[in-house]
Amino acid sequence: MKTAFVAYAGCLLTLAVIDAIWLGIVARSFYRDQLGELMLPSPNIAIAALFYLLFTVAIVILAVLPALSSSSIGTALLYGAILGLAAYGTYDITNLSTLKNWPLAMSLVDMVWGTFLTALSAVGGYCAARFFA
């Protein structure tokens, strides 16, 4: 149980820090330009926190724990990438299919980002569990 909690903390920290850099600095104007009036002036922190807390559970269960079982950082990376593509793809492809004027570029960039971010977060959780649990 301790291993899962340490993995969770490592994943959550990795996810939050890297996504904050991406959303707050690197791609801030991209999302604003793509979404325009759809974007809130500032994010709803409580709802964002709920996403991070729940998504981290999925990363640990579906990517980190299998990687720890096989002692393979590659498994964490691959399973994390698959999970990220599935999760972010579901959101972005659904928006493309149901919302007027949803930007294709937004979906493509966001799916690539979600794949990369989730893979790195799974590796962060894997490394935390290997070194600290």
N, C-alpha and C. Protein backbone atom coordinates (compact mmCIF):
# COMPACT_ATOMS: atom_id res chain seq x y z
N MET A 1 0.82 -1.19 0.00
CA MET A 1 0.00 0.00 0.00
C MET A 1 0.86 1.26 0.00
N LYS A 2 1.97 1.22 0.74
CA LYS A 2 2.87 2.36 0.78
C LYS A 2 3.40 2.66 -0.62
N THR A 3 3.71 1.63 -1.37
CA THR A 3 4.24 1.80 -2.73
C THR A 3 3.24 2.56 -3.60
N ALA A 4 1.96 2.20 -3.50
CA ALA A 4 0.93 2.87 -4.30
C ALA A 4 0.80 4.34 -3.91
N PHE A 5 0.88 4.64 -2.62
CA PHE A 5 0.78 6.03 -2.18
C PHE A 5 1.98 6.86 -2.63
N VAL A 6 3.16 6.28 -2.56
CA VAL A 6 4.37 6.98 -3.03
C VAL A 6 4.29 7.19 -4.54
N ALA A 7 3.83 6.17 -5.26
CA ALA A 7 3.65 6.29 -6.71
C ALA A 7 2.64 7.38 -7.03
N TYR A 8 1.56 7.42 -6.26
CA TYR A 8 0.53 8.44 -6.46
C TYR A 8 1.12 9.84 -6.27
N ALA A 9 1.87 10.02 -5.20
CA ALA A 9 2.48 11.33 -4.93
C ALA A 9 3.44 11.72 -6.05
N GLY A 10 4.25 10.78 -6.51
CA GLY A 10 5.19 11.06 -7.59
C GLY A 10 4.48 11.42 -8.89
N CYS A 11 3.42 10.69 -9.19
CA CYS A 11 2.62 10.98 -10.40
C CYS A 11 1.97 12.35 -10.30
N LEU A 12 1.32 12.59 -9.18
CA LEU A 12 0.59 13.85 -9.01
C LEU A 12 1.53 15.05 -9.09
N LEU A 13 2.66 14.96 -8.44
CA LEU A 13 3.63 16.05 -8.49
C LEU A 13 4.12 16.28 -9.92
N THR A 14 4.47 15.20 -10.60
CA THR A 14 4.93 15.32 -11.99
C THR A 14 3.86 15.92 -12.87
N LEU A 15 2.65 15.40 -12.76
CA LEU A 15 1.52 15.87 -13.57
C LEU A 15 1.25 17.35 -13.34
N ALA A 16 1.17 17.74 -12.08
CA ALA A 16 0.82 19.12 -11.75
C ALA A 16 1.90 20.11 -12.18
N VAL A 17 3.15 19.80 -11.91
CA VAL A 17 4.24 20.72 -12.23
C VAL A 17 4.40 20.89 -13.74
N ILE A 18 4.45 19.76 -14.45
CA ILE A 18 4.68 19.85 -15.90
C ILE A 18 3.48 20.48 -16.60
N ASP A 19 2.27 20.13 -16.18
CA ASP A 19 1.10 20.72 -16.82
C ASP A 19 0.97 22.21 -16.49
N ALA A 20 1.36 22.60 -15.29
CA ALA A 20 1.33 24.03 -14.94
C ALA A 20 2.28 24.83 -15.83
N ILE A 21 3.44 24.28 -16.09
CA ILE A 21 4.40 24.95 -16.97
C ILE A 21 3.83 25.05 -18.38
N TRP A 22 3.25 23.96 -18.87
CA TRP A 22 2.67 23.93 -20.21
C TRP A 22 1.51 24.92 -20.33
N LEU A 23 0.54 24.80 -19.43
CA LEU A 23 -0.66 25.63 -19.53
C LEU A 23 -0.42 27.08 -19.14
N GLY A 24 0.48 27.30 -18.19
CA GLY A 24 0.69 28.65 -17.69
C GLY A 24 1.73 29.45 -18.45
N ILE A 25 2.65 28.77 -19.12
CA ILE A 25 3.75 29.49 -19.79
C ILE A 25 3.85 29.13 -21.27
N VAL A 26 4.10 27.86 -21.56
CA VAL A 26 4.44 27.44 -22.92
C VAL A 26 3.28 27.63 -23.89
N ALA A 27 2.11 27.09 -23.57
CA ALA A 27 1.00 27.07 -24.53
C ALA A 27 -0.15 28.00 -24.15
N ARG A 28 0.08 28.87 -23.23
CA ARG A 28 -0.99 29.74 -22.74
C ARG A 28 -1.69 30.49 -23.87
N SER A 29 -0.94 31.17 -24.70
CA SER A 29 -1.56 31.95 -25.77
C SER A 29 -2.17 31.04 -26.84
N PHE A 30 -1.60 29.85 -27.05
CA PHE A 30 -2.16 28.92 -28.03
C PHE A 30 -3.59 28.56 -27.65
N TYR A 31 -3.81 28.14 -26.42
CA TYR A 31 -5.15 27.76 -25.99
C TYR A 31 -6.10 28.95 -26.04
N ARG A 32 -5.63 30.10 -25.63
CA ARG A 32 -6.46 31.31 -25.66
C ARG A 32 -6.86 31.64 -27.10
N ASP A 33 -5.90 31.56 -28.01
CA ASP A 33 -6.18 31.84 -29.42
C ASP A 33 -7.14 30.81 -30.02
N GLN A 34 -6.98 29.56 -29.67
CA GLN A 34 -7.81 28.50 -30.23
C GLN A 34 -9.24 28.54 -29.67
N LEU A 35 -9.37 28.80 -28.38
CA LEU A 35 -10.67 28.70 -27.73
C LEU A 35 -11.43 30.01 -27.63
N GLY A 36 -10.71 31.12 -27.67
CA GLY A 36 -11.36 32.43 -27.64
C GLY A 36 -12.34 32.60 -26.50
N GLU A 37 -13.58 32.90 -26.85
CA GLU A 37 -14.62 33.19 -25.86
C GLU A 37 -15.02 31.98 -25.01
N LEU A 38 -14.64 30.79 -25.44
CA LEU A 38 -14.98 29.60 -24.65
C LEU A 38 -14.18 29.52 -23.35
N MET A 39 -13.02 30.18 -23.34
CA MET A 39 -12.15 30.10 -22.16
C MET A 39 -12.62 31.03 -21.05
N LEU A 40 -12.55 30.52 -19.83
CA LEU A 40 -12.81 31.36 -18.66
C LEU A 40 -11.65 32.32 -18.47
N PRO A 41 -11.87 33.46 -17.84
CA PRO A 41 -10.77 34.38 -17.55
C PRO A 41 -9.67 33.74 -16.70
N SER A 42 -10.07 32.86 -15.80
CA SER A 42 -9.11 32.08 -15.00
C SER A 42 -9.73 30.72 -14.74
N PRO A 43 -8.90 29.69 -14.62
CA PRO A 43 -9.45 28.34 -14.46
C PRO A 43 -10.14 28.14 -13.11
N ASN A 44 -11.08 27.23 -13.09
CA ASN A 44 -11.74 26.83 -11.84
C ASN A 44 -10.80 25.83 -11.16
N ILE A 45 -10.09 26.30 -10.16
CA ILE A 45 -9.05 25.50 -9.50
C ILE A 45 -9.62 24.24 -8.85
N ALA A 46 -10.79 24.32 -8.25
CA ALA A 46 -11.38 23.15 -7.59
C ALA A 46 -11.67 22.04 -8.59
N ILE A 47 -12.22 22.39 -9.73
CA ILE A 47 -12.52 21.39 -10.74
C ILE A 47 -11.23 20.84 -11.35
N ALA A 48 -10.27 21.71 -11.60
CA ALA A 48 -8.97 21.25 -12.11
C ALA A 48 -8.32 20.29 -11.12
N ALA A 49 -8.37 20.62 -9.84
CA ALA A 49 -7.78 19.74 -8.82
C ALA A 49 -8.47 18.38 -8.81
N LEU A 50 -9.78 18.37 -8.97
CA LEU A 50 -10.52 17.12 -9.02
C LEU A 50 -10.05 16.26 -10.19
N PHE A 51 -9.86 16.88 -11.36
CA PHE A 51 -9.33 16.14 -12.51
C PHE A 51 -7.97 15.54 -12.19
N TYR A 52 -7.04 16.35 -11.67
CA TYR A 52 -5.70 15.86 -11.38
C TYR A 52 -5.72 14.72 -10.36
N LEU A 53 -6.53 14.85 -9.33
CA LEU A 53 -6.61 13.81 -8.30
C LEU A 53 -7.15 12.49 -8.87
N LEU A 54 -8.21 12.57 -9.68
CA LEU A 54 -8.80 11.36 -10.25
C LEU A 54 -7.94 10.76 -11.36
N PHE A 55 -7.41 11.60 -12.22
CA PHE A 55 -6.60 11.09 -13.32
C PHE A 55 -5.32 10.43 -12.80
N THR A 56 -4.78 10.93 -11.71
CA THR A 56 -3.60 10.33 -11.12
C THR A 56 -3.89 8.92 -10.63
N VAL A 57 -5.06 8.68 -10.09
CA VAL A 57 -5.45 7.32 -9.69
C VAL A 57 -5.38 6.39 -10.90
N ALA A 58 -5.92 6.84 -12.01
CA ALA A 58 -5.91 6.02 -13.23
C ALA A 58 -4.48 5.75 -13.70
N ILE A 59 -3.62 6.76 -13.65
CA ILE A 59 -2.23 6.57 -14.07
C ILE A 59 -1.54 5.53 -13.20
N VAL A 60 -1.74 5.63 -11.90
CA VAL A 60 -1.10 4.67 -11.00
C VAL A 60 -1.60 3.25 -11.26
N ILE A 61 -2.92 3.08 -11.33
CA ILE A 61 -3.48 1.74 -11.50
C ILE A 61 -3.16 1.15 -12.87
N LEU A 62 -3.27 1.96 -13.92
CA LEU A 62 -3.16 1.42 -15.28
C LEU A 62 -1.76 1.48 -15.88
N ALA A 63 -0.87 2.27 -15.31
CA ALA A 63 0.48 2.38 -15.88
C ALA A 63 1.58 2.08 -14.86
N VAL A 64 1.52 2.71 -13.70
CA VAL A 64 2.62 2.59 -12.75
C VAL A 64 2.67 1.22 -12.09
N LEU A 65 1.56 0.74 -11.58
CA LEU A 65 1.58 -0.57 -10.91
C LEU A 65 1.99 -1.71 -11.85
N PRO A 66 1.49 -1.75 -13.09
CA PRO A 66 2.00 -2.78 -14.01
C PRO A 66 3.50 -2.62 -14.28
N ALA A 67 3.98 -1.39 -14.36
CA ALA A 67 5.41 -1.16 -14.59
C ALA A 67 6.23 -1.63 -13.39
N LEU A 68 5.73 -1.38 -12.19
CA LEU A 68 6.44 -1.84 -11.00
C LEU A 68 6.45 -3.36 -10.93
N SER A 69 5.36 -3.99 -11.32
CA SER A 69 5.30 -5.45 -11.32
C SER A 69 6.31 -6.07 -12.26
N SER A 70 6.55 -5.41 -13.37
CA SER A 70 7.51 -5.93 -14.34
C SER A 70 8.89 -5.28 -14.22
N SER A 71 9.04 -4.39 -13.25
CA SER A 71 10.30 -3.65 -13.05
C SER A 71 10.78 -3.00 -14.36
N SER A 72 9.84 -2.32 -15.02
CA SER A 72 10.15 -1.75 -16.33
C SER A 72 9.68 -0.32 -16.45
N ILE A 73 10.62 0.60 -16.52
CA ILE A 73 10.27 2.00 -16.74
C ILE A 73 9.66 2.18 -18.12
N GLY A 74 10.06 1.33 -19.05
CA GLY A 74 9.48 1.37 -20.39
C GLY A 74 7.99 1.07 -20.39
N THR A 75 7.58 0.16 -19.51
CA THR A 75 6.15 -0.15 -19.38
C THR A 75 5.41 1.07 -18.84
N ALA A 76 5.98 1.76 -17.87
CA ALA A 76 5.35 2.98 -17.35
C ALA A 76 5.19 4.00 -18.47
N LEU A 77 6.23 4.18 -19.25
CA LEU A 77 6.20 5.15 -20.35
C LEU A 77 5.15 4.76 -21.40
N LEU A 78 5.16 3.51 -21.82
CA LEU A 78 4.23 3.05 -22.86
C LEU A 78 2.79 3.05 -22.37
N TYR A 79 2.52 2.47 -21.21
CA TYR A 79 1.15 2.42 -20.69
C TYR A 79 0.64 3.82 -20.37
N GLY A 80 1.53 4.66 -19.86
CA GLY A 80 1.14 6.05 -19.61
C GLY A 80 0.78 6.76 -20.90
N ALA A 81 1.55 6.55 -21.95
CA ALA A 81 1.27 7.17 -23.24
C ALA A 81 -0.07 6.70 -23.80
N ILE A 82 -0.32 5.40 -23.70
CA ILE A 82 -1.60 4.86 -24.20
C ILE A 82 -2.77 5.45 -23.42
N LEU A 83 -2.64 5.50 -22.10
CA LEU A 83 -3.69 6.09 -21.27
C LEU A 83 -3.91 7.56 -21.62
N GLY A 84 -2.82 8.30 -21.76
CA GLY A 84 -2.94 9.72 -22.09
C GLY A 84 -3.62 9.95 -23.42
N LEU A 85 -3.24 9.16 -24.43
CA LEU A 85 -3.88 9.29 -25.74
C LEU A 85 -5.36 8.95 -25.65
N ALA A 86 -5.70 7.89 -24.91
CA ALA A 86 -7.10 7.51 -24.77
C ALA A 86 -7.91 8.59 -24.05
N ALA A 87 -7.37 9.10 -22.96
CA ALA A 87 -8.11 10.09 -22.17
C ALA A 87 -8.24 11.42 -22.91
N TYR A 88 -7.13 11.95 -23.36
CA TYR A 88 -7.17 13.24 -24.05
C TYR A 88 -7.84 13.10 -25.41
N GLY A 89 -7.66 11.96 -26.06
CA GLY A 89 -8.32 11.71 -27.33
C GLY A 89 -9.83 11.67 -27.19
N THR A 90 -10.30 11.04 -26.12
CA THR A 90 -11.74 10.99 -25.87
C THR A 90 -12.31 12.40 -25.76
N TYR A 91 -11.66 13.23 -24.99
CA TYR A 91 -12.12 14.61 -24.81
C TYR A 91 -12.09 15.37 -26.13
N ASP A 92 -10.95 15.35 -26.79
CA ASP A 92 -10.77 16.18 -27.98
C ASP A 92 -11.57 15.68 -29.17
N ILE A 93 -11.64 14.39 -29.37
CA ILE A 93 -12.40 13.86 -30.50
C ILE A 93 -13.89 14.05 -30.27
N THR A 94 -14.34 13.89 -29.03
CA THR A 94 -15.74 14.16 -28.71
C THR A 94 -16.08 15.62 -28.99
N ASN A 95 -15.20 16.53 -28.59
CA ASN A 95 -15.44 17.94 -28.87
C ASN A 95 -15.49 18.21 -30.36
N LEU A 96 -14.60 17.59 -31.12
CA LEU A 96 -14.61 17.76 -32.58
C LEU A 96 -15.93 17.28 -33.18
N SER A 97 -16.48 16.24 -32.61
CA SER A 97 -17.68 15.65 -33.20
C SER A 97 -18.98 16.30 -32.72
N THR A 98 -18.92 17.09 -31.65
CA THR A 98 -20.17 17.61 -31.07
C THR A 98 -20.26 19.13 -30.98
N LEU A 99 -19.14 19.83 -31.07
CA LEU A 99 -19.17 21.28 -30.86
C LEU A 99 -18.91 22.03 -32.17
N LYS A 100 -19.65 23.10 -32.37
CA LYS A 100 -19.43 23.94 -33.55
C LYS A 100 -18.08 24.63 -33.44
N ASN A 101 -17.38 24.66 -34.53
CA ASN A 101 -16.13 25.42 -34.65
C ASN A 101 -15.04 25.01 -33.66
N TRP A 102 -15.10 23.77 -33.17
CA TRP A 102 -14.00 23.31 -32.31
C TRP A 102 -12.77 23.17 -33.19
N PRO A 103 -11.65 23.80 -32.82
CA PRO A 103 -10.47 23.81 -33.70
C PRO A 103 -9.74 22.46 -33.77
N LEU A 104 -9.53 21.99 -34.99
CA LEU A 104 -8.79 20.75 -35.20
C LEU A 104 -7.38 20.87 -34.63
N ALA A 105 -6.72 22.00 -34.84
CA ALA A 105 -5.36 22.19 -34.32
C ALA A 105 -5.33 22.04 -32.80
N MET A 106 -6.34 22.54 -32.15
CA MET A 106 -6.43 22.43 -30.70
C MET A 106 -6.48 20.95 -30.29
N SER A 107 -7.30 20.19 -30.96
CA SER A 107 -7.42 18.77 -30.62
C SER A 107 -6.12 18.02 -30.86
N LEU A 108 -5.49 18.27 -31.98
CA LEU A 108 -4.24 17.56 -32.30
C LEU A 108 -3.14 17.88 -31.30
N VAL A 109 -2.96 19.16 -31.00
CA VAL A 109 -1.93 19.56 -30.04
C VAL A 109 -2.25 19.00 -28.66
N ASP A 110 -3.51 19.08 -28.26
CA ASP A 110 -3.90 18.62 -26.93
C ASP A 110 -3.73 17.10 -26.79
N MET A 111 -4.03 16.35 -27.83
CA MET A 111 -3.85 14.89 -27.76
C MET A 111 -2.37 14.51 -27.67
N VAL A 112 -1.54 15.20 -28.43
CA VAL A 112 -0.09 14.95 -28.34
C VAL A 112 0.39 15.31 -26.94
N TRP A 113 -0.06 16.47 -26.45
CA TRP A 113 0.35 16.89 -25.12
C TRP A 113 -0.10 15.89 -24.05
N GLY A 114 -1.36 15.46 -24.10
CA GLY A 114 -1.88 14.52 -23.11
C GLY A 114 -1.14 13.20 -23.12
N THR A 115 -0.75 12.75 -24.30
CA THR A 115 0.02 11.51 -24.42
C THR A 115 1.37 11.66 -23.75
N PHE A 116 2.06 12.74 -24.07
CA PHE A 116 3.39 13.03 -23.51
C PHE A 116 3.32 13.25 -22.00
N LEU A 117 2.38 14.08 -21.56
CA LEU A 117 2.24 14.41 -20.14
C LEU A 117 1.93 13.17 -19.30
N THR A 118 1.03 12.34 -19.76
CA THR A 118 0.65 11.17 -19.00
C THR A 118 1.79 10.16 -18.94
N ALA A 119 2.51 10.02 -20.05
CA ALA A 119 3.68 9.13 -20.06
C ALA A 119 4.73 9.60 -19.05
N LEU A 120 5.02 10.90 -19.05
CA LEU A 120 6.00 11.43 -18.09
C LEU A 120 5.51 11.30 -16.66
N SER A 121 4.23 11.50 -16.44
CA SER A 121 3.67 11.37 -15.09
C SER A 121 3.78 9.94 -14.58
N ALA A 122 3.54 8.97 -15.48
CA ALA A 122 3.69 7.57 -15.10
C ALA A 122 5.14 7.25 -14.75
N VAL A 123 6.06 7.80 -15.51
CA VAL A 123 7.49 7.61 -15.20
C VAL A 123 7.82 8.26 -13.85
N GLY A 124 7.27 9.45 -13.59
CA GLY A 124 7.49 10.11 -12.31
C GLY A 124 7.00 9.27 -11.15
N GLY A 125 5.82 8.67 -11.30
CA GLY A 125 5.29 7.80 -10.26
C GLY A 125 6.10 6.54 -10.10
N TYR A 126 6.54 5.98 -11.21
CA TYR A 126 7.38 4.77 -11.17
C TYR A 126 8.69 5.06 -10.44
N CYS A 127 9.35 6.14 -10.81
CA CYS A 127 10.63 6.49 -10.18
C CYS A 127 10.46 6.79 -8.68
N ALA A 128 9.39 7.49 -8.34
CA ALA A 128 9.15 7.78 -6.92
C ALA A 128 8.98 6.49 -6.13
N ALA A 129 8.21 5.56 -6.67
CA ALA A 129 7.99 4.29 -5.96
C ALA A 129 9.26 3.47 -5.88
N ARG A 130 10.05 3.45 -6.92
CA ARG A 130 11.30 2.67 -6.93
C ARG A 130 12.32 3.23 -5.94
N PHE A 131 12.39 4.56 -5.83
CA PHE A 131 13.43 5.18 -5.00
C PHE A 131 13.00 5.46 -3.56
N PHE A 132 11.69 5.62 -3.32
CA PHE A 132 11.24 6.05 -2.00
C PHE A 132 10.33 5.07 -1.27
N ALA A 133 9.89 4.02 -1.93
CA ALA A 133 8.97 3.08 -1.25
C ALA A 133 9.70 1.85 -0.74
